[in-house]
Amino acid sequence: MVLHLANMPRIEAVRSYPAGTLDRLSQLLVLGAPARPDPRRVSFYEVESDSDVYYVHISPENGRVLLIGLWSKTAPVMRSAATQAA
């Protein structure tokens, strides 16, 4: 699904993130970004950029966005011993 907010959202974060993180998330939401709803939590989403995944809650009452987590899409690849020996 593509998550698209019509207006510039008000974004808050539960912790400190690098400068520009909230601005980048805001841009993604206004332009439309690939997103996956959390099947276990209503109004929670994983929003994807080219390199990162943002875990957010979007309030159905006022549209406020709460950034809960952020991680890089490029995670280390684990290889088994059998693969390394080949």
PDB file of N, CA and C in Angstrom:
ATOM      1  N   MET A   1       0.837  -1.174   0.000  1.00  0.00           N
ATOM      2  CA  MET A   1       0.000   0.000   0.000  1.00  0.00           C
ATOM      3  C   MET A   1       0.883   1.239   0.000  1.00  0.00           C
ATOM      4  N   VAL A   2       0.327   2.326  -0.475  1.00  0.00           N
ATOM      5  CA  VAL A   2       1.032   3.598  -0.438  1.00  0.00           C
ATOM      6  C   VAL A   2       0.319   4.479   0.586  1.00  0.00           C
ATOM      7  N   LEU A   3       1.090   4.978   1.537  1.00  0.00           N
ATOM      8  CA  LEU A   3       0.558   5.857   2.574  1.00  0.00           C
ATOM      9  C   LEU A   3       0.798   7.293   2.128  1.00  0.00           C
ATOM     10  N   HIS A   4      -0.273   8.055   2.000  1.00  0.00           N
ATOM     11  CA  HIS A   4      -0.191   9.427   1.501  1.00  0.00           C
ATOM     12  C   HIS A   4      -1.054  10.323   2.375  1.00  0.00           C
ATOM     13  N   LEU A   5      -0.458  11.332   2.995  1.00  0.00           N
ATOM     14  CA  LEU A   5      -1.198  12.301   3.799  1.00  0.00           C
ATOM     15  C   LEU A   5      -1.347  13.582   2.997  1.00  0.00           C
ATOM     16  N   ALA A   6      -2.543  14.138   2.988  1.00  0.00           N
ATOM     17  CA  ALA A   6      -2.828  15.311   2.170  1.00  0.00           C
ATOM     18  C   ALA A   6      -2.079  16.560   2.639  1.00  0.00           C
ATOM     19  N   ASN A   7      -1.931  16.728   3.936  1.00  0.00           N
ATOM     20  CA  ASN A   7      -1.276  17.920   4.480  1.00  0.00           C
ATOM     21  C   ASN A   7       0.007  17.541   5.200  1.00  0.00           C
ATOM     22  N   MET A   8       0.890  18.521   5.361  1.00  0.00           N
ATOM     23  CA  MET A   8       2.129  18.304   6.111  1.00  0.00           C
ATOM     24  C   MET A   8       1.763  17.875   7.533  1.00  0.00           C
ATOM     25  N   PRO A   9       2.139  16.658   7.907  1.00  0.00           N
ATOM     26  CA  PRO A   9       1.745  16.162   9.225  1.00  0.00           C
ATOM     27  C   PRO A   9       2.595  16.746  10.349  1.00  0.00           C
ATOM     28  N   ARG A  10       2.017  16.793  11.527  1.00  0.00           N
ATOM     29  CA  ARG A  10       2.790  17.137  12.722  1.00  0.00           C
ATOM     30  C   ARG A  10       3.403  15.827  13.210  1.00  0.00           C
ATOM     31  N   ILE A  11       4.728  15.803  13.305  1.00  0.00           N
ATOM     32  CA  ILE A  11       5.426  14.577  13.680  1.00  0.00           C
ATOM     33  C   ILE A  11       6.146  14.780  15.001  1.00  0.00           C
ATOM     34  N   GLU A  12       5.984  13.820  15.887  1.00  0.00           N
ATOM     35  CA  GLU A  12       6.713  13.789  17.142  1.00  0.00           C
ATOM     36  C   GLU A  12       7.471  12.472  17.202  1.00  0.00           C
ATOM     37  N   ALA A  13       8.512  12.437  18.009  1.00  0.00           N
ATOM     38  CA  ALA A  13       9.321  11.226  18.143  1.00  0.00           C
ATOM     39  C   ALA A  13       9.430  10.846  19.614  1.00  0.00           C
ATOM     40  N   VAL A  14       9.494   9.536  19.876  1.00  0.00           N
ATOM     41  CA  VAL A  14       9.608   9.059  21.257  1.00  0.00           C
ATOM     42  C   VAL A  14      11.043   9.126  21.770  1.00  0.00           C
ATOM     43  N   ARG A  15      11.996   9.362  20.881  1.00  0.00           N
ATOM     44  CA  ARG A  15      13.406   9.510  21.275  1.00  0.00           C
ATOM     45  C   ARG A  15      14.105  10.428  20.302  1.00  0.00           C
ATOM     46  N   SER A  16      15.365  10.682  20.535  1.00  0.00           N
ATOM     47  CA  SER A  16      16.157  11.544  19.650  1.00  0.00           C
ATOM     48  C   SER A  16      16.588  10.772  18.405  1.00  0.00           C
ATOM     49  N   TYR A  17      16.478  11.434  17.273  1.00  0.00           N
ATOM     50  CA  TYR A  17      16.921  10.855  16.009  1.00  0.00           C
ATOM     51  C   TYR A  17      17.846  11.862  15.326  1.00  0.00           C
ATOM     52  N   PRO A  18      18.664  11.410  14.377  1.00  0.00           N
ATOM     53  CA  PRO A  18      19.575  12.324  13.677  1.00  0.00           C
ATOM     54  C   PRO A  18      18.817  13.485  13.028  1.00  0.00           C
ATOM     55  N   ALA A  19      19.503  14.601  12.899  1.00  0.00           N
ATOM     56  CA  ALA A  19      18.917  15.787  12.272  1.00  0.00           C
ATOM     57  C   ALA A  19      18.358  15.434  10.901  1.00  0.00           C
ATOM     58  N   GLY A  20      17.193  15.945  10.599  1.00  0.00           N
ATOM     59  CA  GLY A  20      16.578  15.721   9.297  1.00  0.00           C
ATOM     60  C   GLY A  20      15.667  14.511   9.232  1.00  0.00           C
ATOM     61  N   THR A  21      15.684  13.656  10.235  1.00  0.00           N
ATOM     62  CA  THR A  21      14.888  12.428  10.206  1.00  0.00           C
ATOM     63  C   THR A  21      13.396  12.738  10.140  1.00  0.00           C
ATOM     64  N   LEU A  22      12.924  13.638  10.984  1.00  0.00           N
ATOM     65  CA  LEU A  22      11.490  13.959  11.003  1.00  0.00           C
ATOM     66  C   LEU A  22      11.074  14.674   9.716  1.00  0.00           C
ATOM     67  N   ASP A  23      11.965  15.511   9.181  1.00  0.00           N
ATOM     68  CA  ASP A  23      11.672  16.185   7.911  1.00  0.00           C
ATOM     69  C   ASP A  23      11.564  15.181   6.772  1.00  0.00           C
ATOM     70  N   ARG A  24      12.467  14.209   6.753  1.00  0.00           N
ATOM     71  CA  ARG A  24      12.450  13.187   5.691  1.00  0.00           C
ATOM     72  C   ARG A  24      11.174  12.357   5.776  1.00  0.00           C
ATOM     73  N   LEU A  25      10.770  11.978   6.987  1.00  0.00           N
ATOM     74  CA  LEU A  25       9.534  11.216   7.169  1.00  0.00           C
ATOM     75  C   LEU A  25       8.335  12.047   6.714  1.00  0.00           C
ATOM     76  N   SER A  26       8.309  13.312   7.057  1.00  0.00           N
ATOM     77  CA  SER A  26       7.222  14.193   6.650  1.00  0.00           C
ATOM     78  C   SER A  26       7.119  14.252   5.125  1.00  0.00           C
ATOM     79  N   GLN A  27       8.256  14.396   4.455  1.00  0.00           N
ATOM     80  CA  GLN A  27       8.268  14.431   2.990  1.00  0.00           C
ATOM     81  C   GLN A  27       7.743  13.132   2.401  1.00  0.00           C
ATOM     82  N   LEU A  28       8.171  12.015   2.978  1.00  0.00           N
ATOM     83  CA  LEU A  28       7.705  10.719   2.479  1.00  0.00           C
ATOM     84  C   LEU A  28       6.188  10.599   2.579  1.00  0.00           C
ATOM     85  N   LEU A  29       5.637  11.036   3.708  1.00  0.00           N
ATOM     86  CA  LEU A  29       4.197  10.904   3.923  1.00  0.00           C
ATOM     87  C   LEU A  29       3.387  11.832   3.018  1.00  0.00           C
ATOM     88  N   VAL A  30       3.911  13.007   2.726  1.00  0.00           N
ATOM     89  CA  VAL A  30       3.207  13.943   1.856  1.00  0.00           C
ATOM     90  C   VAL A  30       3.280  13.491   0.397  1.00  0.00           C
ATOM     91  N   LEU A  31       4.439  12.990  -0.023  1.00  0.00           N
ATOM     92  CA  LEU A  31       4.614  12.542  -1.406  1.00  0.00           C
ATOM     93  C   LEU A  31       3.972  11.179  -1.665  1.00  0.00           C
ATOM     94  N   GLY A  32       3.820  10.380  -0.617  1.00  0.00           N
ATOM     95  CA  GLY A  32       3.303   9.020  -0.746  1.00  0.00           C
ATOM     96  C   GLY A  32       4.449   8.034  -0.687  1.00  0.00           C
ATOM     97  N   ALA A  33       4.392   7.135   0.283  1.00  0.00           N
ATOM     98  CA  ALA A  33       5.488   6.189   0.481  1.00  0.00           C
ATOM     99  C   ALA A  33       4.938   4.779   0.652  1.00  0.00           C
ATOM    100  N   PRO A  34       5.706   3.780   0.218  1.00  0.00           N
ATOM    101  CA  PRO A  34       5.288   2.404   0.465  1.00  0.00           C
ATOM    102  C   PRO A  34       5.177   2.166   1.974  1.00  0.00           C
ATOM    103  N   ALA A  35       4.116   1.490   2.381  1.00  0.00           N
ATOM    104  CA  ALA A  35       3.896   1.250   3.802  1.00  0.00           C
ATOM    105  C   ALA A  35       3.179  -0.077   3.997  1.00  0.00           C
ATOM    106  N   ARG A  36       3.416  -0.668   5.161  1.00  0.00           N
ATOM    107  CA  ARG A  36       2.721  -1.902   5.547  1.00  0.00           C
ATOM    108  C   ARG A  36       2.048  -1.657   6.886  1.00  0.00           C
ATOM    109  N   PRO A  37       0.733  -1.900   6.964  1.00  0.00           N
ATOM    110  CA  PRO A  37       0.078  -1.773   8.262  1.00  0.00           C
ATOM    111  C   PRO A  37       0.542  -2.893   9.195  1.00  0.00           C
ATOM    112  N   ASP A  38       0.655  -2.587  10.474  1.00  0.00           N
ATOM    113  CA  ASP A  38       1.004  -3.597  11.469  1.00  0.00           C
ATOM    114  C   ASP A  38      -0.249  -4.432  11.714  1.00  0.00           C
ATOM    115  N   PRO A  39      -0.199  -5.727  11.447  1.00  0.00           N
ATOM    116  CA  PRO A  39      -1.405  -6.558  11.603  1.00  0.00           C
ATOM    117  C   PRO A  39      -1.857  -6.704  13.061  1.00  0.00           C
ATOM    118  N   ARG A  40      -0.985  -6.388  13.999  1.00  0.00           N
ATOM    119  CA  ARG A  40      -1.334  -6.549  15.412  1.00  0.00           C
ATOM    120  C   ARG A  40      -1.771  -5.251  16.078  1.00  0.00           C
ATOM    121  N   ARG A  41      -1.567  -4.112  15.410  1.00  0.00           N
ATOM    122  CA  ARG A  41      -1.874  -2.818  16.026  1.00  0.00           C
ATOM    123  C   ARG A  41      -2.555  -1.900  15.022  1.00  0.00           C
ATOM    124  N   VAL A  42      -3.701  -1.374  15.410  1.00  0.00           N
ATOM    125  CA  VAL A  42      -4.456  -0.468  14.553  1.00  0.00           C
ATOM    126  C   VAL A  42      -3.732   0.874  14.470  1.00  0.00           C
ATOM    127  N   SER A  43      -3.656   1.426  13.284  1.00  0.00           N
ATOM    128  CA  SER A  43      -3.062   2.745  13.013  1.00  0.00           C
ATOM    129  C   SER A  43      -1.546   2.788  13.179  1.00  0.00           C
ATOM    130  N   PHE A  44      -0.877   1.635  13.154  1.00  0.00           N
ATOM    131  CA  PHE A  44       0.583   1.563  13.188  1.00  0.00           C
ATOM    132  C   PHE A  44       1.061   1.055  11.827  1.00  0.00           C
ATOM    133  N   TYR A  45       2.171   1.643  11.334  1.00  0.00           N
ATOM    134  CA  TYR A  45       2.659   1.317   9.999  1.00  0.00           C
ATOM    135  C   TYR A  45       4.183   1.270   9.959  1.00  0.00           C
ATOM    136  N   GLU A  46       4.702   0.491   9.016  1.00  0.00           N
ATOM    137  CA  GLU A  46       6.106   0.541   8.637  1.00  0.00           C
ATOM    138  C   GLU A  46       6.151   1.306   7.320  1.00  0.00           C
ATOM    139  N   VAL A  47       6.771   2.463   7.341  1.00  0.00           N
ATOM    140  CA  VAL A  47       6.870   3.323   6.160  1.00  0.00           C
ATOM    141  C   VAL A  47       8.291   3.215   5.626  1.00  0.00           C
ATOM    142  N   GLU A  48       8.415   2.967   4.317  1.00  0.00           N
ATOM    143  CA  GLU A  48       9.730   2.721   3.729  1.00  0.00           C
ATOM    144  C   GLU A  48      10.234   3.892   2.885  1.00  0.00           C
ATOM    145  N   SER A  49      11.517   4.180   3.054  1.00  0.00           N
ATOM    146  CA  SER A  49      12.226   5.072   2.127  1.00  0.00           C
ATOM    147  C   SER A  49      13.161   4.177   1.319  1.00  0.00           C
ATOM    148  N   ASP A  50      14.050   4.773   0.559  1.00  0.00           N
ATOM    149  CA  ASP A  50      15.011   3.969  -0.204  1.00  0.00           C
ATOM    150  C   ASP A  50      15.922   3.158   0.712  1.00  0.00           C
ATOM    151  N   SER A  51      16.287   3.737   1.856  1.00  0.00           N
ATOM    152  CA  SER A  51      17.284   3.094   2.703  1.00  0.00           C
ATOM    153  C   SER A  51      16.816   2.774   4.119  1.00  0.00           C
ATOM    154  N   ASP A  52      15.667   3.317   4.542  1.00  0.00           N
ATOM    155  CA  ASP A  52      15.240   3.156   5.931  1.00  0.00           C
ATOM    156  C   ASP A  52      13.792   2.700   6.038  1.00  0.00           C
ATOM    157  N   VAL A  53      13.461   2.203   7.225  1.00  0.00           N
ATOM    158  CA  VAL A  53      12.080   1.857   7.567  1.00  0.00           C
ATOM    159  C   VAL A  53      11.728   2.629   8.831  1.00  0.00           C
ATOM    160  N   TYR A  54      10.616   3.353   8.784  1.00  0.00           N
ATOM    161  CA  TYR A  54      10.123   4.130   9.910  1.00  0.00           C
ATOM    162  C   TYR A  54       8.910   3.402  10.483  1.00  0.00           C
ATOM    163  N   TYR A  55       8.887   3.173  11.789  1.00  0.00           N
ATOM    164  CA  TYR A  55       7.720   2.566  12.434  1.00  0.00           C
ATOM    165  C   TYR A  55       6.953   3.697  13.102  1.00  0.00           C
ATOM    166  N   VAL A  56       5.706   3.922  12.652  1.00  0.00           N
ATOM    167  CA  VAL A  56       4.945   5.079  13.102  1.00  0.00           C
ATOM    168  C   VAL A  56       3.541   4.702  13.543  1.00  0.00           C
ATOM    169  N   HIS A  57       2.971   5.574  14.363  1.00  0.00           N
ATOM    170  CA  HIS A  57       1.550   5.523  14.697  1.00  0.00           C
ATOM    171  C   HIS A  57       0.940   6.798  14.156  1.00  0.00           C
ATOM    172  N   ILE A  58      -0.173   6.678  13.446  1.00  0.00           N
ATOM    173  CA  ILE A  58      -0.892   7.839  12.941  1.00  0.00           C
ATOM    174  C   ILE A  58      -2.226   7.892  13.656  1.00  0.00           C
ATOM    175  N   SER A  59      -2.431   8.929  14.436  1.00  0.00           N
ATOM    176  CA  SER A  59      -3.649   9.072  15.215  1.00  0.00           C
ATOM    177  C   SER A  59      -4.851   9.234  14.291  1.00  0.00           C
ATOM    178  N   PRO A  60      -5.853   8.373  14.435  1.00  0.00           N
ATOM    179  CA  PRO A  60      -7.054   8.530  13.608  1.00  0.00           C
ATOM    180  C   PRO A  60      -7.883   9.750  14.030  1.00  0.00           C
ATOM    181  N   GLU A  61      -7.633  10.261  15.224  1.00  0.00           N
ATOM    182  CA  GLU A  61      -8.403  11.405  15.728  1.00  0.00           C
ATOM    183  C   GLU A  61      -7.909  12.742  15.193  1.00  0.00           C
ATOM    184  N   ASN A  62      -6.576  12.939  15.189  1.00  0.00           N
ATOM    185  CA  ASN A  62      -6.061  14.249  14.790  1.00  0.00           C
ATOM    186  C   ASN A  62      -4.987  14.187  13.700  1.00  0.00           C
ATOM    187  N   GLY A  63      -4.613  12.996  13.230  1.00  0.00           N
ATOM    188  CA  GLY A  63      -3.634  12.850  12.168  1.00  0.00           C
ATOM    189  C   GLY A  63      -2.187  13.027  12.591  1.00  0.00           C
ATOM    190  N   ARG A  64      -1.965  13.232  13.891  1.00  0.00           N
ATOM    191  CA  ARG A  64      -0.589  13.393  14.384  1.00  0.00           C
ATOM    192  C   ARG A  64       0.178  12.087  14.177  1.00  0.00           C
ATOM    193  N   VAL A  65       1.435  12.224  13.776  1.00  0.00           N
ATOM    194  CA  VAL A  65       2.303  11.071  13.516  1.00  0.00           C
ATOM    195  C   VAL A  65       3.312  10.961  14.643  1.00  0.00           C
ATOM    196  N   LEU A  66       3.431   9.771  15.193  1.00  0.00           N
ATOM    197  CA  LEU A  66       4.403   9.500  16.250  1.00  0.00           C
ATOM    198  C   LEU A  66       5.437   8.520  15.703  1.00  0.00           C
ATOM    199  N   LEU A  67       6.686   8.967  15.599  1.00  0.00           N
ATOM    200  CA  LEU A  67       7.775   8.099  15.149  1.00  0.00           C
ATOM    201  C   LEU A  67       8.240   7.277  16.343  1.00  0.00           C
ATOM    202  N   ILE A  68       8.092   5.977  16.236  1.00  0.00           N
ATOM    203  CA  ILE A  68       8.432   5.067  17.328  1.00  0.00           C
ATOM    204  C   ILE A  68       9.782   4.408  17.108  1.00  0.00           C
ATOM    205  N   GLY A  69      10.093   4.071  15.870  1.00  0.00           N
ATOM    206  CA  GLY A  69      11.350   3.396  15.592  1.00  0.00           C
ATOM    207  C   GLY A  69      11.836   3.676  14.184  1.00  0.00           C
ATOM    208  N   LEU A  70      13.115   3.472  13.982  1.00  0.00           N
ATOM    209  CA  LEU A  70      13.751   3.687  12.690  1.00  0.00           C
ATOM    210  C   LEU A  70      14.891   2.690  12.560  1.00  0.00           C
ATOM    211  N   TRP A  71      14.946   2.004  11.427  1.00  0.00           N
ATOM    212  CA  TRP A  71      16.066   1.106  11.189  1.00  0.00           C
ATOM    213  C   TRP A  71      16.421   1.111   9.710  1.00  0.00           C
ATOM    214  N   SER A  72      17.637   0.719   9.443  1.00  0.00           N
ATOM    215  CA  SER A  72      18.162   0.682   8.084  1.00  0.00           C
ATOM    216  C   SER A  72      17.678  -0.580   7.379  1.00  0.00           C
ATOM    217  N   LYS A  73      17.395  -0.459   6.096  1.00  0.00           N
ATOM    218  CA  LYS A  73      17.012  -1.631   5.302  1.00  0.00           C
ATOM    219  C   LYS A  73      18.212  -2.539   5.052  1.00  0.00           C
ATOM    220  N   THR A  74      19.399  -1.994   5.127  1.00  0.00           N
ATOM    221  CA  THR A  74      20.599  -2.777   4.846  1.00  0.00           C
ATOM    222  C   THR A  74      21.110  -3.404   6.131  1.00  0.00           C
ATOM    223  N   ALA A  75      20.574  -4.565   6.450  1.00  0.00           N
ATOM    224  CA  ALA A  75      21.002  -5.305   7.640  1.00  0.00           C
ATOM    225  C   ALA A  75      22.097  -6.283   7.229  1.00  0.00           C
ATOM    226  N   PRO A  76      23.008  -6.612   8.143  1.00  0.00           N
ATOM    227  CA  PRO A  76      24.044  -7.589   7.804  1.00  0.00           C
ATOM    228  C   PRO A  76      23.432  -8.927   7.412  1.00  0.00           C
ATOM    229  N   VAL A  77      24.021  -9.552   6.433  1.00  0.00           N
ATOM    230  CA  VAL A  77      23.532 -10.844   5.963  1.00  0.00           C
ATOM    231  C   VAL A  77      24.226 -11.949   6.746  1.00  0.00           C
ATOM    232  N   MET A  78      23.442 -12.838   7.322  1.00  0.00           N
ATOM    233  CA  MET A  78      23.987 -13.973   8.069  1.00  0.00           C
ATOM    234  C   MET A  78      24.192 -15.132   7.101  1.00  0.00           C
ATOM    235  N   ARG A  79      25.336 -15.736   7.158  1.00  0.00           N
ATOM    236  CA  ARG A  79      25.609 -16.890   6.318  1.00  0.00           C
ATOM    237  C   ARG A  79      25.869 -18.107   7.181  1.00  0.00           C
ATOM    238  N   SER A  80      25.373 -19.216   6.729  1.00  0.00           N
ATOM    239  CA  SER A  80      25.611 -20.461   7.479  1.00  0.00           C
ATOM    240  C   SER A  80      27.013 -20.978   7.186  1.00  0.00           C
ATOM    241  N   ALA A  81      27.505 -21.850   8.042  1.00  0.00           N
ATOM    242  CA  ALA A  81      28.831 -22.432   7.852  1.00  0.00           C
ATOM    243  C   ALA A  81      28.910 -23.214   6.556  1.00  0.00           C
ATOM    244  N   ALA A  82      27.813 -23.868   6.178  1.00  0.00           N
ATOM    245  CA  ALA A  82      27.797 -24.654   4.944  1.00  0.00           C
ATOM    246  C   ALA A  82      27.947 -23.752   3.727  1.00  0.00           C
ATOM    247  N   THR A  83      27.312 -22.593   3.746  1.00  0.00           N
ATOM    248  CA  THR A  83      27.412 -21.654   2.624  1.00  0.00           C
ATOM    249  C   THR A  83      28.836 -21.113   2.503  1.00  0.00           C
ATOM    250  N   GLN A  84      29.451 -20.805   3.633  1.00  0.00           N
ATOM    251  CA  GLN A  84      30.806 -20.245   3.618  1.00  0.00           C
ATOM    252  C   GLN A  84      31.827 -21.271   3.110  1.00  0.00           C
ATOM    253  N   ALA A  85      31.592 -22.567   3.385  1.00  0.00           N
ATOM    254  CA  ALA A  85      32.539 -23.614   2.975  1.00  0.00           C
ATOM    255  C   ALA A  85      32.453 -23.903   1.486  1.00  0.00           C
ATOM    256  N   ALA A  86      31.337 -23.571   0.857  1.00  0.00           N
ATOM    257  CA  ALA A  86      31.124 -23.909  -0.559  1.00  0.00           C
ATOM    258  C   ALA A  86      31.962 -23.089  -1.496  1.00  0.00           C
TER     259      ALA A  86
END
